[in-house]
Structures are given as structure tokens and as C-alpha cells.
């Protein structure tokens, strides 16, 4: 019983003692119900009979599925660096992306995104190239190919060295591979770098 419930029960019992039991019973002023609620509250009074809570992980899994879906949609993007010499021909990475995309495109709902170059004429030419190449591979739906900014955010150039150095630092800290150095020497098989 919480402090609030104890206080309420004490007040109602005190009122019953001062003005008499007949005036503070369940039949007259429903004080008996208040005392019962204060001592043993029904926290589930508003829940319909037979209702069950969602299984553990329901909402966390929905959050994870949204993240997975956004990450998977990035597999269907032609970025600016995938075009040969910033033109209208796909470079090696762009052709590889097209091959990977074509194998999965019939089974997913994602659009094919051509990252905008902010040059309308060039963007339209690149879109036409992708539509033609997909048509040769049996995917004849030009409405699926759009020119847009990808939803995935890129890195700024000054962030790359910091992230790279962080990965190198992790590798050296854990003995040459991610968590690969555990069990080498110190603290009874713990962090190998801190061994004695």
C-alpha cells in the first residue's frame, strides 16, 4: 500500500470513528468502498475482461523492423559516385548495384532512386538510362524509378578519419580483431591488453 493509500484509509477510518460507524458505511456515503480501494486498489478496473498485454518485445521489434526496412531501401539507390565520370553511363559500382537490385526488385516494394545531381537535365537522362536497363532485365515499370535525395544520410569528410581511427583503436584494444583479444593474458583471461 502506498503512502497516499495509507493516508486516505487513515482519514476515512478517523472520520468513521468521529461521526459514528452508521454515517460512514458503504450504504450511506460509500466510504466503505473508498476505504477498500485505499487498502487494496483495483489497478485493472479499466481493462476489459480477457484482455492480454502485447507479448514482450512487440514494440521494440516494430522499431527494429522500421530501421531494417529503411536500411534495405538503400539497396535500391544509385548514388552520384556510381556514375562514370559524373556522366550518364554507370560505372563498375553502378553496374554491380544494378545487378544486385535486379535480382530482388520483383519481390520488394521499394522504389529505385536515382540520387539527384541538382541538374534537372542530367537527372532525367540518368533516370532514362536506368529505366532502359531495367526494361532489358524484364522490369518494365518506369513509375518505380524516381529522382530524389536518398533517405540515408552520408558522412561529412571530416567525420571519416575519426571513425576510421576509432575502428583501428578498437582493433588494437581488443587484440587485433573485434573482441578477438579476449582471453590473452591478463585478469584471468580478460582484457589481453591489460595483462600482467
C-alpha atoms as a PDB file:
ATOM      1  CA  UNK A   1       0.000   0.000   0.000  1.00  0.00           C
ATOM      2  CA  UNK A   2       1.422   3.380  -0.963  1.00  0.00           C
ATOM      3  CA  UNK A   3       1.653   6.357   1.362  1.00  0.00           C
ATOM      4  CA  UNK A   4      -1.285   8.008  -0.416  1.00  0.00           C
ATOM      5  CA  UNK A   5      -3.477   4.957   0.142  1.00  0.00           C
ATOM      6  CA  UNK A   6      -2.461   4.713   3.795  1.00  0.00           C
ATOM      7  CA  UNK A   7      -3.274   8.398   4.302  1.00  0.00           C
ATOM      8  CA  UNK A   8      -6.702   8.028   2.643  1.00  0.00           C
ATOM      9  CA  UNK A   9      -7.539   4.946   4.638  1.00  0.00           C
ATOM     10  CA  UNK A  10      -6.437   6.660   7.851  1.00  0.00           C
ATOM     11  CA  UNK A  11      -8.595   9.720   7.131  1.00  0.00           C
ATOM     12  CA  UNK A  12     -11.675   7.637   6.364  1.00  0.00           C
ATOM     13  CA  UNK A  13     -11.214   5.429   9.416  1.00  0.00           C
ATOM     14  CA  UNK A  14     -10.748   8.573  11.517  1.00  0.00           C
ATOM     15  CA  UNK A  15     -13.967  10.041  10.083  1.00  0.00           C
ATOM     16  CA  UNK A  16     -15.795   6.841  10.875  1.00  0.00           C
ATOM     17  CA  UNK A  17     -14.522   6.976  14.468  1.00  0.00           C
ATOM     18  CA  UNK A  18     -15.535  10.658  14.905  1.00  0.00           C
ATOM     19  CA  UNK A  19     -19.026  10.697  13.386  1.00  0.00           C
ATOM     20  CA  UNK A  20     -20.003   7.107  14.012  1.00  0.00           C
ATOM     21  CA  UNK A  21     -19.980   3.916  12.010  1.00  0.00           C
ATOM     22  CA  UNK A  22     -23.551   4.237  10.792  1.00  0.00           C
ATOM     23  CA  UNK A  23     -22.850   7.503   8.946  1.00  0.00           C
ATOM     24  CA  UNK A  24     -19.720   6.300   7.169  1.00  0.00           C
ATOM     25  CA  UNK A  25     -20.734   2.870   5.939  1.00  0.00           C
ATOM     26  CA  UNK A  26     -20.954   1.644   2.382  1.00  0.00           C
ATOM     27  CA  UNK A  27     -24.713   2.098   2.243  1.00  0.00           C
ATOM     28  CA  UNK A  28     -24.834   5.773   3.259  1.00  0.00           C
ATOM     29  CA  UNK A  29     -21.898   7.629   1.689  1.00  0.00           C
ATOM     30  CA  UNK A  30     -19.909   4.829   0.009  1.00  0.00           C
ATOM     31  CA  UNK A  31     -16.994   5.491   2.348  1.00  0.00           C
ATOM     32  CA  UNK A  32     -16.568   1.752   2.777  1.00  0.00           C
ATOM     33  CA  UNK A  33     -15.751   1.492  -0.945  1.00  0.00           C
ATOM     34  CA  UNK A  34     -13.150   4.276  -0.614  1.00  0.00           C
ATOM     35  CA  UNK A  35     -11.546   2.501   2.340  1.00  0.00           C
ATOM     36  CA  UNK A  36     -11.450  -0.765   0.396  1.00  0.00           C
ATOM     37  CA  UNK A  37      -9.896   0.995  -2.620  1.00  0.00           C
ATOM     38  CA  UNK A  38      -7.312   2.692  -0.434  1.00  0.00           C
ATOM     39  CA  UNK A  39      -6.273  -0.589   1.164  1.00  0.00           C
ATOM     40  CA  UNK A  40      -6.460  -2.818  -1.892  1.00  0.00           C
ATOM     41  CA  UNK A  41      -6.815  -0.758  -5.116  1.00  0.00           C
ATOM     42  CA  UNK A  42      -8.006  -2.379  -8.348  1.00  0.00           C
ATOM     43  CA  UNK A  43      -5.474  -1.066 -10.845  1.00  0.00           C
ATOM     44  CA  UNK A  44      -7.033  -3.084 -13.662  1.00  0.00           C
ATOM     45  CA  UNK A  45     -10.598  -1.772 -13.308  1.00  0.00           C
ATOM     46  CA  UNK A  46     -10.475  -0.111 -16.736  1.00  0.00           C
ATOM     47  CA  UNK A  47      -9.081  -3.151 -18.578  1.00  0.00           C
ATOM     48  CA  UNK A  48     -11.711  -5.224 -20.433  1.00  0.00           C
ATOM     49  CA  UNK A  49     -12.150  -8.786 -19.224  1.00  0.00           C
ATOM     50  CA  UNK A  50      -9.928 -11.233 -21.118  1.00  0.00           C
ATOM     51  CA  UNK A  51      -7.584  -8.545 -22.458  1.00  0.00           C
ATOM     52  CA  UNK A  52      -3.944  -9.580 -22.749  1.00  0.00           C
ATOM     53  CA  UNK A  53      -0.911  -7.324 -22.912  1.00  0.00           C
ATOM     54  CA  UNK A  54       1.198  -7.418 -26.035  1.00  0.00           C
ATOM     55  CA  UNK A  55       3.974 -10.054 -25.836  1.00  0.00           C
ATOM     56  CA  UNK A  56       7.403  -8.936 -24.692  1.00  0.00           C
ATOM     57  CA  UNK A  57       9.360  -7.264 -27.476  1.00  0.00           C
ATOM     58  CA  UNK A  58       6.343  -6.293 -29.580  1.00  0.00           C
ATOM     59  CA  UNK A  59       7.099  -2.588 -29.697  1.00  0.00           C
ATOM     60  CA  UNK A  60      10.883  -2.971 -29.747  1.00  0.00           C
ATOM     61  CA  UNK A  61      10.588  -5.373 -32.698  1.00  0.00           C
ATOM     62  CA  UNK A  62       8.383  -2.895 -34.591  1.00  0.00           C
ATOM     63  CA  UNK A  63      11.058  -0.247 -34.093  1.00  0.00           C
ATOM     64  CA  UNK A  64      13.735  -2.655 -35.365  1.00  0.00           C
ATOM     65  CA  UNK A  65      11.609  -3.586 -38.397  1.00  0.00           C
ATOM     66  CA  UNK A  66      11.240   0.086 -39.353  1.00  0.00           C
ATOM     67  CA  UNK A  67      15.010   0.516 -39.136  1.00  0.00           C
ATOM     68  CA  UNK A  68      15.605  -2.642 -41.206  1.00  0.00           C
ATOM     69  CA  UNK A  69      13.150  -1.503 -43.856  1.00  0.00           C
ATOM     70  CA  UNK A  70      14.810   1.902 -44.177  1.00  0.00           C
ATOM     71  CA  UNK A  71      18.235   0.271 -44.422  1.00  0.00           C
ATOM     72  CA  UNK A  72      17.022  -2.196 -47.051  1.00  0.00           C
ATOM     73  CA  UNK A  73      15.533   0.578 -49.174  1.00  0.00           C
ATOM     74  CA  UNK A  74      19.068   1.964 -49.521  1.00  0.00           C
ATOM     75  CA  UNK A  75      19.955  -1.123 -51.595  1.00  0.00           C
ATOM     76  CA  UNK A  76      17.866   0.383 -54.388  1.00  0.00           C
ATOM     77  CA  UNK A  77      19.639   3.721 -54.719  1.00  0.00           C
ATOM     78  CA  UNK A  78      22.022   4.831 -57.464  1.00  0.00           C
ATOM     79  CA  UNK A  79      24.313   7.334 -55.786  1.00  0.00           C
ATOM     80  CA  UNK A  80      26.190  10.057 -57.640  1.00  0.00           C
ATOM     81  CA  UNK A  81      29.511   8.236 -57.284  1.00  0.00           C
ATOM     82  CA  UNK A  82      28.104   5.220 -59.172  1.00  0.00           C
ATOM     83  CA  UNK A  83      28.049   7.129 -62.476  1.00  0.00           C
ATOM     84  CA  UNK A  84      31.171   7.013 -64.636  1.00  0.00           C
ATOM     85  CA  UNK A  85      32.896  10.419 -64.651  1.00  0.00           C
ATOM     86  CA  UNK A  86      29.709  12.092 -63.374  1.00  0.00           C
ATOM     87  CA  UNK A  87      28.015  11.356 -66.691  1.00  0.00           C
ATOM     88  CA  UNK A  88      25.141   9.166 -67.850  1.00  0.00           C
ATOM     89  CA  UNK A  89      26.942   5.812 -68.010  1.00  0.00           C
ATOM     90  CA  UNK A  90      27.036   3.567 -64.979  1.00  0.00           C
ATOM     91  CA  UNK A  91      30.490   2.867 -63.596  1.00  0.00           C
ATOM     92  CA  UNK A  92      31.598  -0.526 -62.239  1.00  0.00           C
ATOM     93  CA  UNK A  93      29.929   0.031 -58.859  1.00  0.00           C
ATOM     94  CA  UNK A  94      26.749   1.239 -60.555  1.00  0.00           C
ATOM     95  CA  UNK A  95      26.583  -1.866 -62.789  1.00  0.00           C
ATOM     96  CA  UNK A  96      27.156  -4.066 -59.746  1.00  0.00           C
ATOM     97  CA  UNK A  97      24.351  -2.226 -57.919  1.00  0.00           C
ATOM     98  CA  UNK A  98      22.059  -2.729 -60.921  1.00  0.00           C
ATOM     99  CA  UNK A  99      22.756  -6.486 -60.987  1.00  0.00           C
ATOM    100  CA  UNK A 100      22.126  -6.821 -57.230  1.00  0.00           C
ATOM    101  CA  UNK A 101      18.990  -4.747 -57.452  1.00  0.00           C
ATOM    102  CA  UNK A 102      17.516  -6.571 -60.435  1.00  0.00           C
ATOM    103  CA  UNK A 103      17.639  -9.915 -58.634  1.00  0.00           C
ATOM    104  CA  UNK A 104      15.453  -8.589 -55.808  1.00  0.00           C
ATOM    105  CA  UNK A 105      13.335  -5.852 -57.346  1.00  0.00           C
ATOM    106  CA  UNK A 106      10.297  -8.018 -58.149  1.00  0.00           C
ATOM    107  CA  UNK A 107       9.954  -9.098 -54.507  1.00  0.00           C
ATOM    108  CA  UNK A 108      10.217  -5.749 -52.710  1.00  0.00           C
ATOM    109  CA  UNK A 109       8.033  -2.619 -52.626  1.00  0.00           C
ATOM    110  CA  UNK A 110      10.858  -0.068 -52.723  1.00  0.00           C
ATOM    111  CA  UNK A 111      11.299   2.480 -55.498  1.00  0.00           C
ATOM    112  CA  UNK A 112      14.523   2.720 -57.471  1.00  0.00           C
ATOM    113  CA  UNK A 113      16.065   6.055 -56.526  1.00  0.00           C
ATOM    114  CA  UNK A 114      18.498   7.977 -58.692  1.00  0.00           C
ATOM    115  CA  UNK A 115      20.261  10.439 -56.395  1.00  0.00           C
ATOM    116  CA  UNK A 116      19.703  13.923 -57.687  1.00  0.00           C
ATOM    117  CA  UNK A 117      22.624  15.904 -59.034  1.00  0.00           C
ATOM    118  CA  UNK A 118      20.538  19.099 -58.799  1.00  0.00           C
ATOM    119  CA  UNK A 119      20.786  19.314 -62.605  1.00  0.00           C
ATOM    120  CA  UNK A 120      17.341  18.504 -63.994  1.00  0.00           C
ATOM    121  CA  UNK A 121      18.529  17.603 -67.481  1.00  0.00           C
ATOM    122  CA  UNK A 122      21.256  15.247 -66.198  1.00  0.00           C
ATOM    123  CA  UNK A 123      18.868  13.693 -63.640  1.00  0.00           C
ATOM    124  CA  UNK A 124      16.285  12.967 -66.345  1.00  0.00           C
ATOM    125  CA  UNK A 125      18.928  11.411 -68.626  1.00  0.00           C
ATOM    126  CA  UNK A 126      20.152   9.170 -65.785  1.00  0.00           C
ATOM    127  CA  UNK A 127      16.577   8.153 -64.962  1.00  0.00           C
ATOM    128  CA  UNK A 128      16.002   7.217 -68.615  1.00  0.00           C
ATOM    129  CA  UNK A 129      19.208   5.117 -68.605  1.00  0.00           C
ATOM    130  CA  UNK A 130      18.064   3.182 -65.518  1.00  0.00           C
ATOM    131  CA  UNK A 131      14.556   2.665 -66.944  1.00  0.00           C
ATOM    132  CA  UNK A 132      16.046   1.272 -70.178  1.00  0.00           C
ATOM    133  CA  UNK A 133      18.482  -1.019 -68.346  1.00  0.00           C
ATOM    134  CA  UNK A 134      15.739  -2.358 -66.055  1.00  0.00           C
ATOM    135  CA  UNK A 135      13.483  -2.944 -69.078  1.00  0.00           C
ATOM    136  CA  UNK A 136      16.232  -5.051 -70.705  1.00  0.00           C
ATOM    137  CA  UNK A 137      16.238  -7.147 -67.500  1.00  0.00           C
ATOM    138  CA  UNK A 138      12.461  -7.695 -67.544  1.00  0.00           C
ATOM    139  CA  UNK A 139      11.327  -4.932 -65.179  1.00  0.00           C
ATOM    140  CA  UNK A 140       9.055  -2.672 -67.197  1.00  0.00           C
ATOM    141  CA  UNK A 141       7.657  -0.182 -64.673  1.00  0.00           C
ATOM    142  CA  UNK A 142       9.055   3.317 -65.246  1.00  0.00           C
ATOM    143  CA  UNK A 143       6.991   4.756 -62.385  1.00  0.00           C
ATOM    144  CA  UNK A 144       9.224   2.901 -59.914  1.00  0.00           C
ATOM    145  CA  UNK A 145      12.295   4.889 -60.931  1.00  0.00           C
ATOM    146  CA  UNK A 146      12.411   8.283 -59.233  1.00  0.00           C
ATOM    147  CA  UNK A 147      14.955  11.068 -58.904  1.00  0.00           C
ATOM    148  CA  UNK A 148      15.272  12.138 -55.279  1.00  0.00           C
ATOM    149  CA  UNK A 149      17.544  12.615 -52.309  1.00  0.00           C
ATOM    150  CA  UNK A 150      18.212   9.234 -50.642  1.00  0.00           C
ATOM    151  CA  UNK A 151      16.882   8.891 -47.087  1.00  0.00           C
ATOM    152  CA  UNK A 152      20.223   7.559 -45.844  1.00  0.00           C
ATOM    153  CA  UNK A 153      22.483  10.282 -44.577  1.00  0.00           C
ATOM    154  CA  UNK A 154      26.057  10.455 -45.737  1.00  0.00           C
ATOM    155  CA  UNK A 155      29.176  11.331 -43.784  1.00  0.00           C
ATOM    156  CA  UNK A 156      30.983  14.606 -43.882  1.00  0.00           C
ATOM    157  CA  UNK A 157      34.625  14.300 -44.915  1.00  0.00           C
ATOM    158  CA  UNK A 158      35.939  15.356 -41.509  1.00  0.00           C
ATOM    159  CA  UNK A 159      33.988  12.536 -39.834  1.00  0.00           C
ATOM    160  CA  UNK A 160      35.607   9.740 -41.841  1.00  0.00           C
ATOM    161  CA  UNK A 161      39.117   9.861 -40.275  1.00  0.00           C
ATOM    162  CA  UNK A 162      37.669   9.996 -36.774  1.00  0.00           C
ATOM    163  CA  UNK A 163      35.504   6.928 -37.423  1.00  0.00           C
ATOM    164  CA  UNK A 164      38.353   5.083 -39.148  1.00  0.00           C
ATOM    165  CA  UNK A 165      40.780   5.829 -36.316  1.00  0.00           C
ATOM    166  CA  UNK A 166      38.142   4.705 -33.831  1.00  0.00           C
ATOM    167  CA  UNK A 167      37.895   1.357 -35.594  1.00  0.00           C
ATOM    168  CA  UNK A 168      41.667   0.945 -35.599  1.00  0.00           C
ATOM    169  CA  UNK A 169      41.727   1.826 -31.899  1.00  0.00           C
ATOM    170  CA  UNK A 170      39.069  -0.796 -31.207  1.00  0.00           C
ATOM    171  CA  UNK A 171      41.056  -3.419 -33.083  1.00  0.00           C
ATOM    172  CA  UNK A 172      44.261  -2.717 -31.185  1.00  0.00           C
ATOM    173  CA  UNK A 173      42.421  -2.534 -27.861  1.00  0.00           C
ATOM    174  CA  UNK A 174      40.842  -5.938 -28.365  1.00  0.00           C
ATOM    175  CA  UNK A 175      43.949  -7.652 -29.678  1.00  0.00           C
ATOM    176  CA  UNK A 176      43.773  -7.285 -33.446  1.00  0.00           C
ATOM    177  CA  UNK A 177      40.131  -8.084 -34.108  1.00  0.00           C
ATOM    178  CA  UNK A 178      36.855  -7.000 -32.683  1.00  0.00           C
ATOM    179  CA  UNK A 179      36.727  -8.840 -29.361  1.00  0.00           C
ATOM    180  CA  UNK A 180      39.411 -11.169 -30.702  1.00  0.00           C
ATOM    181  CA  UNK A 181      41.886 -10.347 -27.931  1.00  0.00           C
ATOM    182  CA  UNK A 182      39.822 -11.560 -25.023  1.00  0.00           C
ATOM    183  CA  UNK A 183      41.469 -14.367 -23.130  1.00  0.00           C
ATOM    184  CA  UNK A 184      45.090 -13.339 -23.862  1.00  0.00           C
ATOM    185  CA  UNK A 185      46.924 -12.909 -20.656  1.00  0.00           C
ATOM    186  CA  UNK A 186      45.505 -10.592 -18.070  1.00  0.00           C
ATOM    187  CA  UNK A 187      42.858 -10.612 -15.413  1.00  0.00           C
ATOM    188  CA  UNK A 188      42.364 -14.376 -15.579  1.00  0.00           C
ATOM    189  CA  UNK A 189      41.692 -14.444 -19.303  1.00  0.00           C
ATOM    190  CA  UNK A 190      40.156 -10.960 -19.520  1.00  0.00           C
ATOM    191  CA  UNK A 191      41.381  -7.970 -21.451  1.00  0.00           C
ATOM    192  CA  UNK A 192      44.636  -9.108 -23.030  1.00  0.00           C
ATOM    193  CA  UNK A 193      45.991  -5.600 -23.362  1.00  0.00           C
ATOM    194  CA  UNK A 194      45.951  -5.135 -19.604  1.00  0.00           C
ATOM    195  CA  UNK A 195      47.683  -8.418 -18.812  1.00  0.00           C
ATOM    196  CA  UNK A 196      50.473  -8.589 -16.271  1.00  0.00           C
END
